[in-house]
């Protein structure tokens, strides 16, 4: 059996890449919510751009000027 030696404490931050399906769900849920929503760490992809375009065609505002924090103005249902 090979012994395992513990490593000293590591202080770091790990960022997990965004998910296309979770980003799309968050966009739609935010559009239905009341007030403004922030999506932190969204995944910009062709599919999410189509979702944003569909929401915009229905009159919703989605601000993607900050790639790390998208803002959605909800409609309240």
N, C-alpha and C. Protein backbone atom coordinates (compact mmCIF):
# COMPACT_ATOMS: atom_id res chain seq x y z
N UNK A 1 0.84 -1.16 0.00
CA UNK A 1 0.00 0.00 0.00
C UNK A 1 0.89 1.24 0.00
N UNK A 2 0.51 2.21 -0.80
CA UNK A 2 1.29 3.44 -0.90
C UNK A 2 0.73 4.46 0.09
N UNK A 3 1.60 5.03 0.95
CA UNK A 3 1.11 6.02 1.91
C UNK A 3 0.78 7.35 1.21
N UNK A 4 -0.23 8.02 1.73
CA UNK A 4 -0.63 9.33 1.21
C UNK A 4 -0.25 10.38 2.23
N UNK A 5 0.55 11.32 1.80
CA UNK A 5 1.00 12.40 2.68
C UNK A 5 0.14 13.63 2.44
N UNK A 6 -0.49 14.17 3.49
CA UNK A 6 -1.32 15.36 3.29
C UNK A 6 -0.48 16.55 2.87
N UNK A 7 -1.09 17.42 2.08
CA UNK A 7 -0.42 18.64 1.66
C UNK A 7 -0.77 19.75 2.64
N UNK A 8 0.08 20.77 2.72
CA UNK A 8 -0.25 21.90 3.60
C UNK A 8 -1.47 22.64 3.06
N UNK A 9 -2.03 23.49 3.87
CA UNK A 9 -3.21 24.26 3.48
C UNK A 9 -2.94 25.04 2.20
N UNK A 10 -3.89 24.99 1.28
CA UNK A 10 -3.78 25.72 0.02
C UNK A 10 -4.88 26.78 0.01
N UNK A 11 -4.50 28.02 -0.21
CA UNK A 11 -5.46 29.12 -0.28
C UNK A 11 -5.61 29.53 -1.73
N UNK A 12 -6.73 29.15 -2.34
CA UNK A 12 -6.93 29.43 -3.75
C UNK A 12 -8.41 29.59 -4.06
N UNK A 13 -8.70 30.06 -5.23
CA UNK A 13 -10.07 30.17 -5.71
C UNK A 13 -10.17 29.43 -7.02
N UNK A 14 -11.23 28.67 -7.18
CA UNK A 14 -11.46 27.93 -8.41
C UNK A 14 -12.74 28.45 -9.04
N UNK A 15 -12.66 28.82 -10.30
CA UNK A 15 -13.84 29.26 -11.04
C UNK A 15 -14.29 28.13 -11.95
N UNK A 16 -15.55 27.79 -11.86
CA UNK A 16 -16.12 26.75 -12.70
C UNK A 16 -16.76 27.44 -13.90
N UNK A 17 -16.51 26.91 -15.08
CA UNK A 17 -17.07 27.53 -16.28
C UNK A 17 -18.59 27.44 -16.27
N UNK A 18 -19.22 28.39 -16.94
CA UNK A 18 -20.67 28.44 -16.98
C UNK A 18 -21.27 27.27 -17.75
N UNK A 19 -22.56 27.08 -17.57
CA UNK A 19 -23.28 26.02 -18.24
C UNK A 19 -24.30 26.64 -19.19
N UNK A 20 -24.32 26.15 -20.42
CA UNK A 20 -25.25 26.68 -21.41
C UNK A 20 -26.70 26.49 -20.96
N UNK A 21 -27.04 25.28 -20.54
CA UNK A 21 -28.43 25.02 -20.17
C UNK A 21 -28.83 25.78 -18.91
N UNK A 22 -27.93 25.88 -17.94
CA UNK A 22 -28.26 26.64 -16.73
C UNK A 22 -28.39 28.13 -17.03
N UNK A 23 -27.55 28.64 -17.94
CA UNK A 23 -27.65 30.05 -18.32
C UNK A 23 -28.98 30.33 -19.00
N UNK A 24 -29.40 29.44 -19.89
CA UNK A 24 -30.69 29.63 -20.57
C UNK A 24 -31.84 29.59 -19.57
N UNK A 25 -31.82 28.64 -18.65
CA UNK A 25 -32.88 28.56 -17.64
C UNK A 25 -32.90 29.80 -16.77
N UNK A 26 -31.72 30.28 -16.39
CA UNK A 26 -31.65 31.48 -15.55
C UNK A 26 -32.17 32.70 -16.30
N UNK A 27 -31.88 32.80 -17.59
CA UNK A 27 -32.39 33.92 -18.40
C UNK A 27 -33.92 33.91 -18.41
N UNK A 28 -34.51 32.74 -18.65
CA UNK A 28 -35.96 32.64 -18.73
C UNK A 28 -36.60 32.88 -17.37
N UNK A 29 -36.04 32.28 -16.31
CA UNK A 29 -36.58 32.50 -14.97
C UNK A 29 -36.48 33.97 -14.58
N UNK A 30 -35.37 34.61 -14.93
CA UNK A 30 -35.18 36.03 -14.62
C UNK A 30 -36.17 36.89 -15.38
N UNK A 31 -36.47 36.50 -16.61
CA UNK A 31 -37.44 37.25 -17.41
C UNK A 31 -38.83 37.18 -16.78
N UNK A 32 -39.16 36.06 -16.15
CA UNK A 32 -40.47 35.89 -15.52
C UNK A 32 -40.54 36.48 -14.12
N UNK A 33 -39.39 36.73 -13.51
CA UNK A 33 -39.35 37.25 -12.14
C UNK A 33 -39.74 38.72 -12.10
N UNK A 34 -40.11 39.17 -10.91
CA UNK A 34 -40.39 40.60 -10.71
C UNK A 34 -39.08 41.32 -10.42
N UNK A 35 -38.88 42.46 -11.03
CA UNK A 35 -37.67 43.25 -10.77
C UNK A 35 -36.49 42.78 -11.59
N UNK A 36 -35.33 43.33 -11.25
CA UNK A 36 -34.10 43.03 -11.98
C UNK A 36 -33.39 41.84 -11.36
N UNK A 37 -32.75 41.04 -12.21
CA UNK A 37 -31.96 39.90 -11.77
C UNK A 37 -30.55 40.03 -12.33
N UNK A 38 -29.59 39.46 -11.61
CA UNK A 38 -28.20 39.41 -12.07
C UNK A 38 -27.81 37.96 -12.25
N UNK A 39 -27.22 37.64 -13.39
CA UNK A 39 -26.69 36.31 -13.65
C UNK A 39 -25.18 36.40 -13.55
N UNK A 40 -24.62 35.76 -12.54
CA UNK A 40 -23.17 35.81 -12.33
C UNK A 40 -22.51 34.62 -13.00
N UNK A 41 -21.50 34.89 -13.80
CA UNK A 41 -20.75 33.84 -14.47
C UNK A 41 -21.54 33.11 -15.55
N UNK A 42 -22.33 33.83 -16.35
CA UNK A 42 -23.10 33.15 -17.40
C UNK A 42 -22.19 32.67 -18.53
N UNK A 43 -22.70 31.71 -19.28
CA UNK A 43 -21.94 31.20 -20.43
C UNK A 43 -22.47 31.86 -21.70
N UNK A 44 -21.62 32.61 -22.36
CA UNK A 44 -21.98 33.22 -23.64
C UNK A 44 -21.74 32.19 -24.74
N UNK A 45 -22.80 31.81 -25.41
CA UNK A 45 -22.69 30.84 -26.50
C UNK A 45 -23.72 31.20 -27.56
N UNK A 46 -23.68 30.52 -28.67
CA UNK A 46 -24.65 30.78 -29.73
C UNK A 46 -26.07 30.56 -29.21
N UNK A 47 -26.28 29.49 -28.47
CA UNK A 47 -27.62 29.19 -27.95
C UNK A 47 -28.10 30.24 -26.96
N UNK A 48 -27.22 30.71 -26.07
CA UNK A 48 -27.66 31.72 -25.12
C UNK A 48 -27.92 33.05 -25.83
N UNK A 49 -27.17 33.34 -26.89
CA UNK A 49 -27.44 34.55 -27.67
C UNK A 49 -28.82 34.47 -28.35
N UNK A 50 -29.19 33.28 -28.83
CA UNK A 50 -30.52 33.11 -29.42
C UNK A 50 -31.61 33.28 -28.36
N UNK A 51 -31.37 32.79 -27.16
CA UNK A 51 -32.34 32.96 -26.08
C UNK A 51 -32.51 34.44 -25.75
N UNK A 52 -31.39 35.17 -25.68
CA UNK A 52 -31.45 36.61 -25.41
C UNK A 52 -32.20 37.32 -26.53
N UNK A 53 -31.95 36.93 -27.78
CA UNK A 53 -32.63 37.55 -28.91
C UNK A 53 -34.14 37.28 -28.85
N UNK A 54 -34.52 36.07 -28.45
CA UNK A 54 -35.95 35.74 -28.33
C UNK A 54 -36.59 36.57 -27.23
N UNK A 55 -35.91 36.73 -26.10
CA UNK A 55 -36.43 37.55 -25.01
C UNK A 55 -36.55 39.01 -25.46
N UNK A 56 -35.54 39.50 -26.18
CA UNK A 56 -35.57 40.88 -26.67
C UNK A 56 -36.72 41.09 -27.65
N UNK A 57 -37.01 40.08 -28.48
CA UNK A 57 -38.11 40.17 -29.43
C UNK A 57 -39.45 40.29 -28.72
N UNK A 58 -39.50 39.81 -27.47
CA UNK A 58 -40.73 39.92 -26.66
C UNK A 58 -40.72 41.17 -25.79
N UNK A 59 -39.69 42.01 -26.00
CA UNK A 59 -39.65 43.29 -25.30
C UNK A 59 -38.86 43.32 -24.00
N UNK A 60 -38.14 42.26 -23.68
CA UNK A 60 -37.35 42.22 -22.46
C UNK A 60 -35.98 42.84 -22.67
N UNK A 61 -35.43 43.40 -21.60
CA UNK A 61 -34.09 43.99 -21.66
C UNK A 61 -33.10 43.05 -20.97
N UNK A 62 -32.07 42.67 -21.70
CA UNK A 62 -30.98 41.87 -21.14
C UNK A 62 -29.69 42.63 -21.42
N UNK A 63 -29.00 43.02 -20.36
CA UNK A 63 -27.74 43.77 -20.48
C UNK A 63 -26.58 42.81 -20.32
N UNK A 64 -25.82 42.60 -21.38
CA UNK A 64 -24.67 41.69 -21.35
C UNK A 64 -23.35 42.45 -21.48
N UNK A 65 -23.38 43.76 -21.18
CA UNK A 65 -22.16 44.57 -21.34
C UNK A 65 -21.04 44.11 -20.42
N UNK A 66 -21.38 43.54 -19.27
CA UNK A 66 -20.37 42.95 -18.37
C UNK A 66 -20.42 41.44 -18.59
N UNK A 67 -19.39 40.84 -19.17
CA UNK A 67 -19.44 39.42 -19.49
C UNK A 67 -19.55 38.51 -18.26
N UNK A 68 -19.23 39.04 -17.08
CA UNK A 68 -19.30 38.24 -15.86
C UNK A 68 -20.60 38.42 -15.09
N UNK A 69 -21.41 39.40 -15.48
CA UNK A 69 -22.66 39.67 -14.76
C UNK A 69 -23.69 40.24 -15.72
N UNK A 70 -24.59 39.38 -16.19
CA UNK A 70 -25.65 39.84 -17.06
C UNK A 70 -26.82 40.32 -16.20
N UNK A 71 -27.52 41.34 -16.67
CA UNK A 71 -28.67 41.88 -15.94
C UNK A 71 -29.92 41.72 -16.80
N UNK A 72 -30.97 41.20 -16.15
CA UNK A 72 -32.23 40.96 -16.83
C UNK A 72 -33.32 41.73 -16.11
N UNK A 73 -34.09 42.52 -16.87
CA UNK A 73 -35.23 43.25 -16.32
C UNK A 73 -36.45 42.34 -16.41
N UNK A 74 -36.89 41.83 -15.26
CA UNK A 74 -38.01 40.89 -15.23
C UNK A 74 -39.35 41.54 -15.52
N UNK A 75 -40.31 40.71 -15.91
CA UNK A 75 -41.64 41.19 -16.27
C UNK A 75 -42.68 40.90 -15.19
N UNK A 76 -42.32 40.11 -14.20
CA UNK A 76 -43.28 39.75 -13.17
C UNK A 76 -44.28 38.71 -13.63
N UNK A 77 -43.90 37.92 -14.61
CA UNK A 77 -44.77 36.83 -15.00
C UNK A 77 -45.08 36.83 -16.44
